[in-house]
Amino acid sequence: MALLKVCTLSELQPGTVTEAISGERPFAVVNFSGEIVCFDGTCPHAGGPLGQGIVQGEMLVCPWHGYEFNCKTGVNDSDEDLILERFPVVVEKGEIFIEVPADGRGAELLGVF
C-alpha cells in the first residue's frame, strides 16, 4: 500500500466528500461528522463517481442514480450485498492521506463536493 496525500482537514469540512485519483483509480474521501473515511470511488451500480457525490445525513449519495451508501460501513441502503471497499486513512498534522494499492500513481485532488 502507498500513502498518498489527498488534502488538508480544513479543505474537507464535515459533511463533504472529495474525489482523489491514484493512477486511473478513483477514491471517495468523506468527512463524516469529523471522522475521515475512504471508499472505492466507483459506484458498483453503474460506475458513477462517488467522490463527486454528496453526503446526506449518514449516507454517501452517488451523483448518477442516487444510490446511497452508509458513510461508516460502505453498505448500500437497499442492498446489503453492495458494499464499498474501504481504505485506511491517516490524518497527520492536519493533512489527510489515504493508503492505496502500491501500483497506484500519484493522487490528485479534484474538488470537494
PDB file of N, CA and C in Angstrom:
ATOM      1  N   MET A   1       0.843  -1.182   0.000  1.00  0.00           N
ATOM      2  CA  MET A   1       0.000   0.000   0.000  1.00  0.00           C
ATOM      3  C   MET A   1       0.888   1.246   0.000  1.00  0.00           C
ATOM      4  N   ALA A   2       0.464   2.241  -0.735  1.00  0.00           N
ATOM      5  CA  ALA A   2       1.172   3.517  -0.786  1.00  0.00           C
ATOM      6  C   ALA A   2       0.343   4.556  -0.058  1.00  0.00           C
ATOM      7  N   LEU A   3       1.015   5.490   0.591  1.00  0.00           N
ATOM      8  CA  LEU A   3       0.361   6.561   1.324  1.00  0.00           C
ATOM      9  C   LEU A   3       0.359   7.809   0.447  1.00  0.00           C
ATOM     10  N   LEU A   4      -0.844   8.303   0.110  1.00  0.00           N
ATOM     11  CA  LEU A   4      -0.970   9.446  -0.782  1.00  0.00           C
ATOM     12  C   LEU A   4      -1.723  10.578  -0.112  1.00  0.00           C
ATOM     13  N   LYS A   5      -1.205  11.803  -0.253  1.00  0.00           N
ATOM     14  CA  LYS A   5      -1.874  12.974   0.306  1.00  0.00           C
ATOM     15  C   LYS A   5      -3.088  13.329  -0.546  1.00  0.00           C
ATOM     16  N   VAL A   6      -4.207  13.592   0.127  1.00  0.00           N
ATOM     17  CA  VAL A   6      -5.437  13.963  -0.563  1.00  0.00           C
ATOM     18  C   VAL A   6      -5.677  15.458  -0.442  1.00  0.00           C
ATOM     19  N   CYS A   7      -5.733  15.961   0.788  1.00  0.00           N
ATOM     20  CA  CYS A   7      -5.999  17.375   1.038  1.00  0.00           C
ATOM     21  C   CYS A   7      -5.764  17.645   2.521  1.00  0.00           C
ATOM     22  N   THR A   8      -6.096  18.838   2.967  1.00  0.00           N
ATOM     23  CA  THR A   8      -5.997  19.157   4.385  1.00  0.00           C
ATOM     24  C   THR A   8      -7.361  18.998   5.033  1.00  0.00           C
ATOM     25  N   LEU A   9      -7.359  18.883   6.348  1.00  0.00           N
ATOM     26  CA  LEU A   9      -8.625  18.795   7.087  1.00  0.00           C
ATOM     27  C   LEU A   9      -9.499  20.018   6.849  1.00  0.00           C
ATOM     28  N   SER A  10      -8.889  21.173   6.747  1.00  0.00           N
ATOM     29  CA  SER A  10      -9.675  22.394   6.544  1.00  0.00           C
ATOM     30  C   SER A  10     -10.346  22.424   5.174  1.00  0.00           C
ATOM     31  N   GLU A  11      -9.798  21.687   4.213  1.00  0.00           N
ATOM     32  CA  GLU A  11     -10.388  21.630   2.875  1.00  0.00           C
ATOM     33  C   GLU A  11     -11.548  20.629   2.789  1.00  0.00           C
ATOM     34  N   LEU A  12     -11.621  19.716   3.742  1.00  0.00           N
ATOM     35  CA  LEU A  12     -12.661  18.690   3.739  1.00  0.00           C
ATOM     36  C   LEU A  12     -13.504  18.841   5.004  1.00  0.00           C
ATOM     37  N   GLN A  13     -14.448  19.732   4.946  1.00  0.00           N
ATOM     38  CA  GLN A  13     -15.302  20.045   6.086  1.00  0.00           C
ATOM     39  C   GLN A  13     -16.268  18.887   6.379  1.00  0.00           C
ATOM     40  N   PRO A  14     -16.756  18.773   7.621  1.00  0.00           N
ATOM     41  CA  PRO A  14     -17.730  17.726   7.940  1.00  0.00           C
ATOM     42  C   PRO A  14     -18.925  17.781   6.987  1.00  0.00           C
ATOM     43  N   GLY A  15     -19.356  16.608   6.553  1.00  0.00           N
ATOM     44  CA  GLY A  15     -20.496  16.512   5.646  1.00  0.00           C
ATOM     45  C   GLY A  15     -20.145  16.713   4.188  1.00  0.00           C
ATOM     46  N   THR A  16     -18.849  16.599   3.849  1.00  0.00           N
ATOM     47  CA  THR A  16     -18.439  16.752   2.456  1.00  0.00           C
ATOM     48  C   THR A  16     -17.646  15.532   1.999  1.00  0.00           C
ATOM     49  N   VAL A  17     -17.507  15.420   0.691  1.00  0.00           N
ATOM     50  CA  VAL A  17     -16.748  14.336   0.073  1.00  0.00           C
ATOM     51  C   VAL A  17     -15.859  14.942  -0.996  1.00  0.00           C
ATOM     52  N   THR A  18     -14.712  14.333  -1.211  1.00  0.00           N
ATOM     53  CA  THR A  18     -13.832  14.742  -2.291  1.00  0.00           C
ATOM     54  C   THR A  18     -13.384  13.501  -3.049  1.00  0.00           C
ATOM     55  N   GLU A  19     -13.000  13.710  -4.280  1.00  0.00           N
ATOM     56  CA  GLU A  19     -12.504  12.619  -5.108  1.00  0.00           C
ATOM     57  C   GLU A  19     -10.998  12.742  -5.240  1.00  0.00           C
ATOM     58  N   ALA A  20     -10.307  11.627  -5.018  1.00  0.00           N
ATOM     59  CA  ALA A  20      -8.867  11.557  -5.239  1.00  0.00           C
ATOM     60  C   ALA A  20      -8.632  10.470  -6.269  1.00  0.00           C
ATOM     61  N   ILE A  21      -7.636  10.666  -7.111  1.00  0.00           N
ATOM     62  CA  ILE A  21      -7.309   9.708  -8.159  1.00  0.00           C
ATOM     63  C   ILE A  21      -5.896   9.186  -7.921  1.00  0.00           C
ATOM     64  N   SER A  22      -5.756   7.868  -7.976  1.00  0.00           N
ATOM     65  CA  SER A  22      -4.445   7.241  -7.903  1.00  0.00           C
ATOM     66  C   SER A  22      -4.302   6.403  -9.164  1.00  0.00           C
ATOM     67  N   GLY A  23      -3.394   6.813 -10.041  1.00  0.00           N
ATOM     68  CA  GLY A  23      -3.318   6.165 -11.348  1.00  0.00           C
ATOM     69  C   GLY A  23      -4.608   6.494 -12.083  1.00  0.00           C
ATOM     70  N   GLU A  24      -5.374   5.481 -12.415  1.00  0.00           N
ATOM     71  CA  GLU A  24      -6.680   5.695 -13.029  1.00  0.00           C
ATOM     72  C   GLU A  24      -7.807   5.334 -12.076  1.00  0.00           C
ATOM     73  N   ARG A  25      -7.463   5.035 -10.825  1.00  0.00           N
ATOM     74  CA  ARG A  25      -8.461   4.575  -9.859  1.00  0.00           C
ATOM     75  C   ARG A  25      -8.957   5.718  -8.984  1.00  0.00           C
ATOM     76  N   PRO A  26     -10.277   5.925  -8.945  1.00  0.00           N
ATOM     77  CA  PRO A  26     -10.831   6.987  -8.092  1.00  0.00           C
ATOM     78  C   PRO A  26     -11.144   6.482  -6.682  1.00  0.00           C
ATOM     79  N   PHE A  27     -11.056   7.412  -5.738  1.00  0.00           N
ATOM     80  CA  PHE A  27     -11.402   7.141  -4.347  1.00  0.00           C
ATOM     81  C   PHE A  27     -12.323   8.251  -3.870  1.00  0.00           C
ATOM     82  N   ALA A  28     -13.254   7.903  -2.996  1.00  0.00           N
ATOM     83  CA  ALA A  28     -14.145   8.878  -2.379  1.00  0.00           C
ATOM     84  C   ALA A  28     -13.702   9.043  -0.925  1.00  0.00           C
ATOM     85  N   VAL A  29     -13.280  10.252  -0.569  1.00  0.00           N
ATOM     86  CA  VAL A  29     -12.819  10.537   0.786  1.00  0.00           C
ATOM     87  C   VAL A  29     -13.875  11.414   1.438  1.00  0.00           C
ATOM     88  N   VAL A  30     -14.425  10.943   2.556  1.00  0.00           N
ATOM     89  CA  VAL A  30     -15.575  11.560   3.200  1.00  0.00           C
ATOM     90  C   VAL A  30     -15.215  12.035   4.603  1.00  0.00           C
ATOM     91  N   ASN A  31     -15.684  13.239   4.936  1.00  0.00           N
ATOM     92  CA  ASN A  31     -15.628  13.701   6.321  1.00  0.00           C
ATOM     93  C   ASN A  31     -17.024  13.508   6.877  1.00  0.00           C
ATOM     94  N   PHE A  32     -17.200  12.449   7.638  1.00  0.00           N
ATOM     95  CA  PHE A  32     -18.489  12.108   8.229  1.00  0.00           C
ATOM     96  C   PHE A  32     -18.451  12.461   9.705  1.00  0.00           C
ATOM     97  N   SER A  33     -19.022  13.607  10.037  1.00  0.00           N
ATOM     98  CA  SER A  33     -19.085  14.073  11.434  1.00  0.00           C
ATOM     99  C   SER A  33     -17.707  14.122  12.084  1.00  0.00           C
ATOM    100  N   GLY A  34     -16.703  14.532  11.318  1.00  0.00           N
ATOM    101  CA  GLY A  34     -15.355  14.655  11.855  1.00  0.00           C
ATOM    102  C   GLY A  34     -14.506  13.407  11.689  1.00  0.00           C
ATOM    103  N   GLU A  35     -15.098  12.293  11.283  1.00  0.00           N
ATOM    104  CA  GLU A  35     -14.345  11.070  11.016  1.00  0.00           C
ATOM    105  C   GLU A  35     -14.065  11.008   9.523  1.00  0.00           C
ATOM    106  N   ILE A  36     -12.802  10.837   9.161  1.00  0.00           N
ATOM    107  CA  ILE A  36     -12.425  10.769   7.753  1.00  0.00           C
ATOM    108  C   ILE A  36     -12.399   9.301   7.328  1.00  0.00           C
ATOM    109  N   VAL A  37     -13.141   8.990   6.271  1.00  0.00           N
ATOM    110  CA  VAL A  37     -13.190   7.628   5.742  1.00  0.00           C
ATOM    111  C   VAL A  37     -12.930   7.667   4.242  1.00  0.00           C
ATOM    112  N   CYS A  38     -12.423   6.563   3.722  1.00  0.00           N
ATOM    113  CA  CYS A  38     -12.122   6.477   2.297  1.00  0.00           C
ATOM    114  C   CYS A  38     -12.701   5.188   1.733  1.00  0.00           C
ATOM    115  N   PHE A  39     -13.408   5.327   0.598  1.00  0.00           N
ATOM    116  CA  PHE A  39     -14.004   4.189  -0.087  1.00  0.00           C
ATOM    117  C   PHE A  39     -13.560   4.168  -1.541  1.00  0.00           C
ATOM    118  N   ASP A  40     -13.744   3.002  -2.160  1.00  0.00           N
ATOM    119  CA  ASP A  40     -13.584   2.914  -3.602  1.00  0.00           C
ATOM    120  C   ASP A  40     -14.477   3.988  -4.206  1.00  0.00           C
ATOM    121  N   GLY A  41     -13.984   4.735  -5.170  1.00  0.00           N
ATOM    122  CA  GLY A  41     -14.718   5.868  -5.705  1.00  0.00           C
ATOM    123  C   GLY A  41     -15.650   5.557  -6.860  1.00  0.00           C
ATOM    124  N   THR A  42     -15.809   4.280  -7.197  1.00  0.00           N
ATOM    125  CA  THR A  42     -16.685   3.902  -8.297  1.00  0.00           C
ATOM    126  C   THR A  42     -17.922   3.198  -7.752  1.00  0.00           C
ATOM    127  N   CYS A  43     -19.088   3.731  -8.049  1.00  0.00           N
ATOM    128  CA  CYS A  43     -20.342   3.132  -7.590  1.00  0.00           C
ATOM    129  C   CYS A  43     -20.513   1.758  -8.242  1.00  0.00           C
ATOM    130  N   PRO A  44     -20.785   0.722  -7.443  1.00  0.00           N
ATOM    131  CA  PRO A  44     -20.938  -0.619  -8.017  1.00  0.00           C
ATOM    132  C   PRO A  44     -22.218  -0.777  -8.846  1.00  0.00           C
ATOM    133  N   HIS A  45     -23.132   0.164  -8.768  1.00  0.00           N
ATOM    134  CA  HIS A  45     -24.368   0.074  -9.543  1.00  0.00           C
ATOM    135  C   HIS A  45     -24.112   0.298 -11.031  1.00  0.00           C
ATOM    136  N   ALA A  46     -23.556   1.480 -11.378  1.00  0.00           N
ATOM    137  CA  ALA A  46     -23.348   1.796 -12.792  1.00  0.00           C
ATOM    138  C   ALA A  46     -22.048   2.548 -13.048  1.00  0.00           C
ATOM    139  N   GLY A  47     -21.133   2.515 -12.086  1.00  0.00           N
ATOM    140  CA  GLY A  47     -19.833   3.137 -12.297  1.00  0.00           C
ATOM    141  C   GLY A  47     -19.766   4.623 -12.038  1.00  0.00           C
ATOM    142  N   GLY A  48     -20.759   5.179 -11.356  1.00  0.00           N
ATOM    143  CA  GLY A  48     -20.779   6.615 -11.067  1.00  0.00           C
ATOM    144  C   GLY A  48     -19.621   7.039 -10.175  1.00  0.00           C
ATOM    145  N   PRO A  49     -19.224   8.306 -10.245  1.00  0.00           N
ATOM    146  CA  PRO A  49     -18.099   8.830  -9.461  1.00  0.00           C
ATOM    147  C   PRO A  49     -18.532   9.229  -8.050  1.00  0.00           C
ATOM    148  N   LEU A  50     -18.393   8.332  -7.092  1.00  0.00           N
ATOM    149  CA  LEU A  50     -18.859   8.589  -5.725  1.00  0.00           C
ATOM    150  C   LEU A  50     -18.191   9.806  -5.088  1.00  0.00           C
ATOM    151  N   GLY A  51     -16.951  10.067  -5.442  1.00  0.00           N
ATOM    152  CA  GLY A  51     -16.246  11.223  -4.890  1.00  0.00           C
ATOM    153  C   GLY A  51     -16.809  12.544  -5.365  1.00  0.00           C
ATOM    154  N   GLN A  52     -17.689  12.510  -6.349  1.00  0.00           N
ATOM    155  CA  GLN A  52     -18.361  13.708  -6.836  1.00  0.00           C
ATOM    156  C   GLN A  52     -19.808  13.766  -6.354  1.00  0.00           C
ATOM    157  N   GLY A  53     -20.156  12.838  -5.463  1.00  0.00           N
ATOM    158  CA  GLY A  53     -21.500  12.795  -4.901  1.00  0.00           C
ATOM    159  C   GLY A  53     -21.649  13.775  -3.757  1.00  0.00           C
ATOM    160  N   ILE A  54     -22.636  13.515  -2.912  1.00  0.00           N
ATOM    161  CA  ILE A  54     -22.877  14.358  -1.741  1.00  0.00           C
ATOM    162  C   ILE A  54     -23.078  13.475  -0.519  1.00  0.00           C
ATOM    163  N   VAL A  55     -22.947  14.098   0.648  1.00  0.00           N
ATOM    164  CA  VAL A  55     -23.220  13.421   1.905  1.00  0.00           C
ATOM    165  C   VAL A  55     -24.551  13.957   2.413  1.00  0.00           C
ATOM    166  N   GLN A  56     -25.479  13.031   2.664  1.00  0.00           N
ATOM    167  CA  GLN A  56     -26.773  13.389   3.234  1.00  0.00           C
ATOM    168  C   GLN A  56     -26.960  12.562   4.490  1.00  0.00           C
ATOM    169  N   GLY A  57     -26.910  13.234   5.637  1.00  0.00           N
ATOM    170  CA  GLY A  57     -27.008  12.501   6.899  1.00  0.00           C
ATOM    171  C   GLY A  57     -25.860  11.533   7.032  1.00  0.00           C
ATOM    172  N   GLU A  58     -26.197  10.241   7.147  1.00  0.00           N
ATOM    173  CA  GLU A  58     -25.177   9.202   7.283  1.00  0.00           C
ATOM    174  C   GLU A  58     -24.816   8.545   5.961  1.00  0.00           C
ATOM    175  N   MET A  59     -25.333   9.070   4.857  1.00  0.00           N
ATOM    176  CA  MET A  59     -25.184   8.389   3.578  1.00  0.00           C
ATOM    177  C   MET A  59     -24.344   9.178   2.571  1.00  0.00           C
ATOM    178  N   LEU A  60     -23.520   8.448   1.828  1.00  0.00           N
ATOM    179  CA  LEU A  60     -22.809   8.971   0.670  1.00  0.00           C
ATOM    180  C   LEU A  60     -23.687   8.651  -0.532  1.00  0.00           C
ATOM    181  N   VAL A  61     -24.064   9.676  -1.286  1.00  0.00           N
ATOM    182  CA  VAL A  61     -25.023   9.509  -2.380  1.00  0.00           C
ATOM    183  C   VAL A  61     -24.319   9.664  -3.725  1.00  0.00           C
ATOM    184  N   CYS A  62     -24.482   8.654  -4.582  1.00  0.00           N
ATOM    185  CA  CYS A  62     -23.899   8.692  -5.916  1.00  0.00           C
ATOM    186  C   CYS A  62     -24.613   9.746  -6.764  1.00  0.00           C
ATOM    187  N   PRO A  63     -23.851  10.579  -7.496  1.00  0.00           N
ATOM    188  CA  PRO A  63     -24.476  11.641  -8.281  1.00  0.00           C
ATOM    189  C   PRO A  63     -25.218  11.148  -9.525  1.00  0.00           C
ATOM    190  N   TRP A  64     -24.968   9.947  -9.978  1.00  0.00           N
ATOM    191  CA  TRP A  64     -25.609   9.473 -11.201  1.00  0.00           C
ATOM    192  C   TRP A  64     -27.036   8.988 -10.985  1.00  0.00           C
ATOM    193  N   HIS A  65     -27.239   8.072 -10.037  1.00  0.00           N
ATOM    194  CA  HIS A  65     -28.556   7.465  -9.870  1.00  0.00           C
ATOM    195  C   HIS A  65     -29.056   7.495  -8.434  1.00  0.00           C
ATOM    196  N   GLY A  66     -28.359   8.206  -7.556  1.00  0.00           N
ATOM    197  CA  GLY A  66     -28.826   8.366  -6.186  1.00  0.00           C
ATOM    198  C   GLY A  66     -28.628   7.162  -5.288  1.00  0.00           C
ATOM    199  N   TYR A  67     -27.813   6.192  -5.699  1.00  0.00           N
ATOM    200  CA  TYR A  67     -27.540   5.059  -4.806  1.00  0.00           C
ATOM    201  C   TYR A  67     -26.862   5.591  -3.550  1.00  0.00           C
ATOM    202  N   GLU A  68     -27.269   5.059  -2.396  1.00  0.00           N
ATOM    203  CA  GLU A  68     -26.774   5.552  -1.119  1.00  0.00           C
ATOM    204  C   GLU A  68     -25.991   4.472  -0.389  1.00  0.00           C
ATOM    205  N   PHE A  69     -24.872   4.909   0.218  1.00  0.00           N
ATOM    206  CA  PHE A  69     -24.006   4.002   0.961  1.00  0.00           C
ATOM    207  C   PHE A  69     -23.726   4.616   2.329  1.00  0.00           C
ATOM    208  N   ASN A  70     -23.779   3.788   3.362  1.00  0.00           N
ATOM    209  CA  ASN A  70     -23.515   4.256   4.714  1.00  0.00           C
ATOM    210  C   ASN A  70     -22.074   4.738   4.822  1.00  0.00           C
ATOM    211  N   CYS A  71     -21.900   5.926   5.379  1.00  0.00           N
ATOM    212  CA  CYS A  71     -20.565   6.537   5.470  1.00  0.00           C
ATOM    213  C   CYS A  71     -19.632   5.811   6.431  1.00  0.00           C
ATOM    214  N   LYS A  72     -20.148   5.004   7.330  1.00  0.00           N
ATOM    215  CA  LYS A  72     -19.282   4.260   8.253  1.00  0.00           C
ATOM    216  C   LYS A  72     -18.946   2.865   7.717  1.00  0.00           C
ATOM    217  N   THR A  73     -19.945   2.215   7.114  1.00  0.00           N
ATOM    218  CA  THR A  73     -19.769   0.814   6.731  1.00  0.00           C
ATOM    219  C   THR A  73     -19.570   0.595   5.238  1.00  0.00           C
ATOM    220  N   GLY A  74     -20.029   1.535   4.409  1.00  0.00           N
ATOM    221  CA  GLY A  74     -19.961   1.365   2.965  1.00  0.00           C
ATOM    222  C   GLY A  74     -21.083   0.510   2.402  1.00  0.00           C
ATOM    223  N   VAL A  75     -22.021   0.107   3.256  1.00  0.00           N
ATOM    224  CA  VAL A  75     -23.120  -0.763   2.829  1.00  0.00           C
ATOM    225  C   VAL A  75     -24.217   0.070   2.174  1.00  0.00           C
ATOM    226  N   ASN A  76     -24.732  -0.428   1.042  1.00  0.00           N
ATOM    227  CA  ASN A  76     -25.829   0.223   0.326  1.00  0.00           C
ATOM    228  C   ASN A  76     -27.089   0.173   1.173  1.00  0.00           C
ATOM    229  N   ASP A  77     -27.901   1.236   1.086  1.00  0.00           N
ATOM    230  CA  ASP A  77     -29.086   1.335   1.935  1.00  0.00           C
ATOM    231  C   ASP A  77     -30.191   0.348   1.570  1.00  0.00           C
ATOM    232  N   SER A  78     -30.223  -0.160   0.336  1.00  0.00           N
ATOM    233  CA  SER A  78     -31.303  -1.069  -0.044  1.00  0.00           C
ATOM    234  C   SER A  78     -30.835  -2.473  -0.428  1.00  0.00           C
ATOM    235  N   ASP A  79     -29.539  -2.674  -0.563  1.00  0.00           N
ATOM    236  CA  ASP A  79     -28.999  -3.992  -0.911  1.00  0.00           C
ATOM    237  C   ASP A  79     -27.721  -4.208  -0.114  1.00  0.00           C
ATOM    238  N   GLU A  80     -27.849  -4.955   0.976  1.00  0.00           N
ATOM    239  CA  GLU A  80     -26.697  -5.135   1.869  1.00  0.00           C
ATOM    240  C   GLU A  80     -25.548  -5.909   1.238  1.00  0.00           C
ATOM    241  N   ASP A  81     -25.763  -6.474   0.056  1.00  0.00           N
ATOM    242  CA  ASP A  81     -24.675  -7.154  -0.646  1.00  0.00           C
ATOM    243  C   ASP A  81     -23.810  -6.181  -1.452  1.00  0.00           C
ATOM    244  N   LEU A  82     -24.290  -4.943  -1.637  1.00  0.00           N
ATOM    245  CA  LEU A  82     -23.490  -3.903  -2.304  1.00  0.00           C
ATOM    246  C   LEU A  82     -22.705  -3.162  -1.228  1.00  0.00           C
ATOM    247  N   ILE A  83     -21.422  -3.464  -1.141  1.00  0.00           N
ATOM    248  CA  ILE A  83     -20.570  -2.875  -0.107  1.00  0.00           C
ATOM    249  C   ILE A  83     -19.347  -2.263  -0.774  1.00  0.00           C
ATOM    250  N   LEU A  84     -19.083  -1.010  -0.454  1.00  0.00           N
ATOM    251  CA  LEU A  84     -17.904  -0.338  -0.995  1.00  0.00           C
ATOM    252  C   LEU A  84     -16.650  -0.818  -0.281  1.00  0.00           C
ATOM    253  N   GLU A  85     -15.581  -1.013  -1.051  1.00  0.00           N
ATOM    254  CA  GLU A  85     -14.295  -1.340  -0.449  1.00  0.00           C
ATOM    255  C   GLU A  85     -13.807  -0.114   0.312  1.00  0.00           C
ATOM    256  N   ARG A  86     -13.296  -0.330   1.516  1.00  0.00           N
ATOM    257  CA  ARG A  86     -12.823   0.769   2.352  1.00  0.00           C
ATOM    258  C   ARG A  86     -11.301   0.715   2.436  1.00  0.00           C
ATOM    259  N   PHE A  87     -10.695   1.904   2.484  1.00  0.00           N
ATOM    260  CA  PHE A  87      -9.240   2.018   2.540  1.00  0.00           C
ATOM    261  C   PHE A  87      -8.825   2.793   3.773  1.00  0.00           C
ATOM    262  N   PRO A  88      -7.679   2.442   4.354  1.00  0.00           N
ATOM    263  CA  PRO A  88      -7.211   3.145   5.554  1.00  0.00           C
ATOM    264  C   PRO A  88      -6.909   4.617   5.274  1.00  0.00           C
ATOM    265  N   VAL A  89      -7.133   5.419   6.304  1.00  0.00           N
ATOM    266  CA  VAL A  89      -6.881   6.862   6.254  1.00  0.00           C
ATOM    267  C   VAL A  89      -5.923   7.214   7.380  1.00  0.00           C
ATOM    268  N   VAL A  90      -4.994   8.106   7.085  1.00  0.00           N
ATOM    269  CA  VAL A  90      -4.076   8.633   8.096  1.00  0.00           C
ATOM    270  C   VAL A  90      -4.230  10.151   8.089  1.00  0.00           C
ATOM    271  N   VAL A  91      -4.477  10.723   9.270  1.00  0.00           N
ATOM    272  CA  VAL A  91      -4.524  12.179   9.406  1.00  0.00           C
ATOM    273  C   VAL A  91      -3.333  12.574  10.262  1.00  0.00           C
ATOM    274  N   GLU A  92      -2.464  13.391   9.688  1.00  0.00           N
ATOM    275  CA  GLU A  92      -1.243  13.788  10.383  1.00  0.00           C
ATOM    276  C   GLU A  92      -0.976  15.268  10.151  1.00  0.00           C
ATOM    277  N   LYS A  93      -0.846  16.000  11.244  1.00  0.00           N
ATOM    278  CA  LYS A  93      -0.557  17.440  11.188  1.00  0.00           C
ATOM    279  C   LYS A  93      -1.540  18.181  10.278  1.00  0.00           C
ATOM    280  N   GLY A  94      -2.818  17.802  10.389  1.00  0.00           N
ATOM    281  CA  GLY A  94      -3.851  18.495   9.625  1.00  0.00           C
ATOM    282  C   GLY A  94      -3.952  18.098   8.172  1.00  0.00           C
ATOM    283  N   GLU A  95      -3.205  17.077   7.751  1.00  0.00           N
ATOM    284  CA  GLU A  95      -3.258  16.620   6.366  1.00  0.00           C
ATOM    285  C   GLU A  95      -3.859  15.220   6.305  1.00  0.00           C
ATOM    286  N   ILE A  96      -4.643  14.984   5.252  1.00  0.00           N
ATOM    287  CA  ILE A  96      -5.312  13.697   5.065  1.00  0.00           C
ATOM    288  C   ILE A  96      -4.560  12.886   4.016  1.00  0.00           C
ATOM    289  N   PHE A  97      -4.225  11.652   4.386  1.00  0.00           N
ATOM    290  CA  PHE A  97      -3.572  10.706   3.490  1.00  0.00           C
ATOM    291  C   PHE A  97      -4.434   9.456   3.404  1.00  0.00           C
ATOM    292  N   ILE A  98      -4.440   8.806   2.248  1.00  0.00           N
ATOM    293  CA  ILE A  98      -5.114   7.524   2.119  1.00  0.00           C
ATOM    294  C   ILE A  98      -4.092   6.476   1.730  1.00  0.00           C
ATOM    295  N   GLU A  99      -4.334   5.241   2.193  1.00  0.00           N
ATOM    296  CA  GLU A  99      -3.484   4.119   1.817  1.00  0.00           C
ATOM    297  C   GLU A  99      -4.140   3.426   0.641  1.00  0.00           C
ATOM    298  N   VAL A 100      -3.454   3.420  -0.488  1.00  0.00           N
ATOM    299  CA  VAL A 100      -3.989   2.820  -1.711  1.00  0.00           C
ATOM    300  C   VAL A 100      -3.021   1.750  -2.203  1.00  0.00           C
ATOM    301  N   PRO A 101      -3.492   0.853  -3.054  1.00  0.00           N
ATOM    302  CA  PRO A 101      -2.599  -0.179  -3.582  1.00  0.00           C
ATOM    303  C   PRO A 101      -1.328   0.422  -4.161  1.00  0.00           C
ATOM    304  N   ALA A 102      -0.215  -0.244  -3.949  1.00  0.00           N
ATOM    305  CA  ALA A 102       1.104   0.265  -4.335  1.00  0.00           C
ATOM    306  C   ALA A 102       1.243   0.521  -5.821  1.00  0.00           C
ATOM    307  N   ASP A 103       0.397  -0.089  -6.655  1.00  0.00           N
ATOM    308  CA  ASP A 103       0.525   0.125  -8.086  1.00  0.00           C
ATOM    309  C   ASP A 103      -0.096   1.448  -8.548  1.00  0.00           C
ATOM    310  N   GLY A 104      -0.795   2.137  -7.617  1.00  0.00           N
ATOM    311  CA  GLY A 104      -1.382   3.432  -7.955  1.00  0.00           C
ATOM    312  C   GLY A 104      -0.294   4.484  -8.104  1.00  0.00           C
ATOM    313  N   ARG A 105      -0.570   5.504  -8.880  1.00  0.00           N
ATOM    314  CA  ARG A 105       0.416   6.565  -9.093  1.00  0.00           C
ATOM    315  C   ARG A 105      -0.205   7.900  -8.788  1.00  0.00           C
ATOM    316  N   GLY A 106       0.434   8.622  -7.874  1.00  0.00           N
ATOM    317  CA  GLY A 106       0.024   9.993  -7.563  1.00  0.00           C
ATOM    318  C   GLY A 106      -1.444  10.190  -7.255  1.00  0.00           C
ATOM    319  N   ALA A 107      -1.771  11.039  -6.324  1.00  0.00           N
ATOM    320  CA  ALA A 107      -3.159  11.394  -6.033  1.00  0.00           C
ATOM    321  C   ALA A 107      -3.378  12.830  -6.477  1.00  0.00           C
ATOM    322  N   GLU A 108      -4.550  13.068  -7.007  1.00  0.00           N
ATOM    323  CA  GLU A 108      -4.871  14.399  -7.486  1.00  0.00           C
ATOM    324  C   GLU A 108      -6.196  14.817  -6.868  1.00  0.00           C
ATOM    325  N   LEU A 109      -6.208  15.932  -6.188  1.00  0.00           N
ATOM    326  CA  LEU A 109      -7.436  16.445  -5.609  1.00  0.00           C
ATOM    327  C   LEU A 109      -8.255  17.073  -6.719  1.00  0.00           C
ATOM    328  N   LEU A 110      -9.493  16.608  -6.869  1.00  0.00           N
ATOM    329  CA  LEU A 110     -10.338  17.101  -7.938  1.00  0.00           C
ATOM    330  C   LEU A 110     -11.388  18.098  -7.442  1.00  0.00           C
ATOM    331  N   GLY A 111     -11.600  18.176  -6.140  1.00  0.00           N
ATOM    332  CA  GLY A 111     -12.579  19.124  -5.616  1.00  0.00           C
ATOM    333  C   GLY A 111     -13.377  18.542  -4.479  1.00  0.00           C
ATOM    334  N   VAL A 112     -13.890  19.396  -3.637  1.00  0.00           N
ATOM    335  CA  VAL A 112     -14.700  18.992  -2.503  1.00  0.00           C
ATOM    336  C   VAL A 112     -16.147  19.262  -2.841  1.00  0.00           C
ATOM    337  N   PHE A 113     -17.003  18.272  -2.628  1.00  0.00           N
ATOM    338  CA  PHE A 113     -18.409  18.376  -3.004  1.00  0.00           C
ATOM    339  C   PHE A 113     -19.292  18.243  -1.783  1.00  0.00           C
TER     340      PHE A 113
END
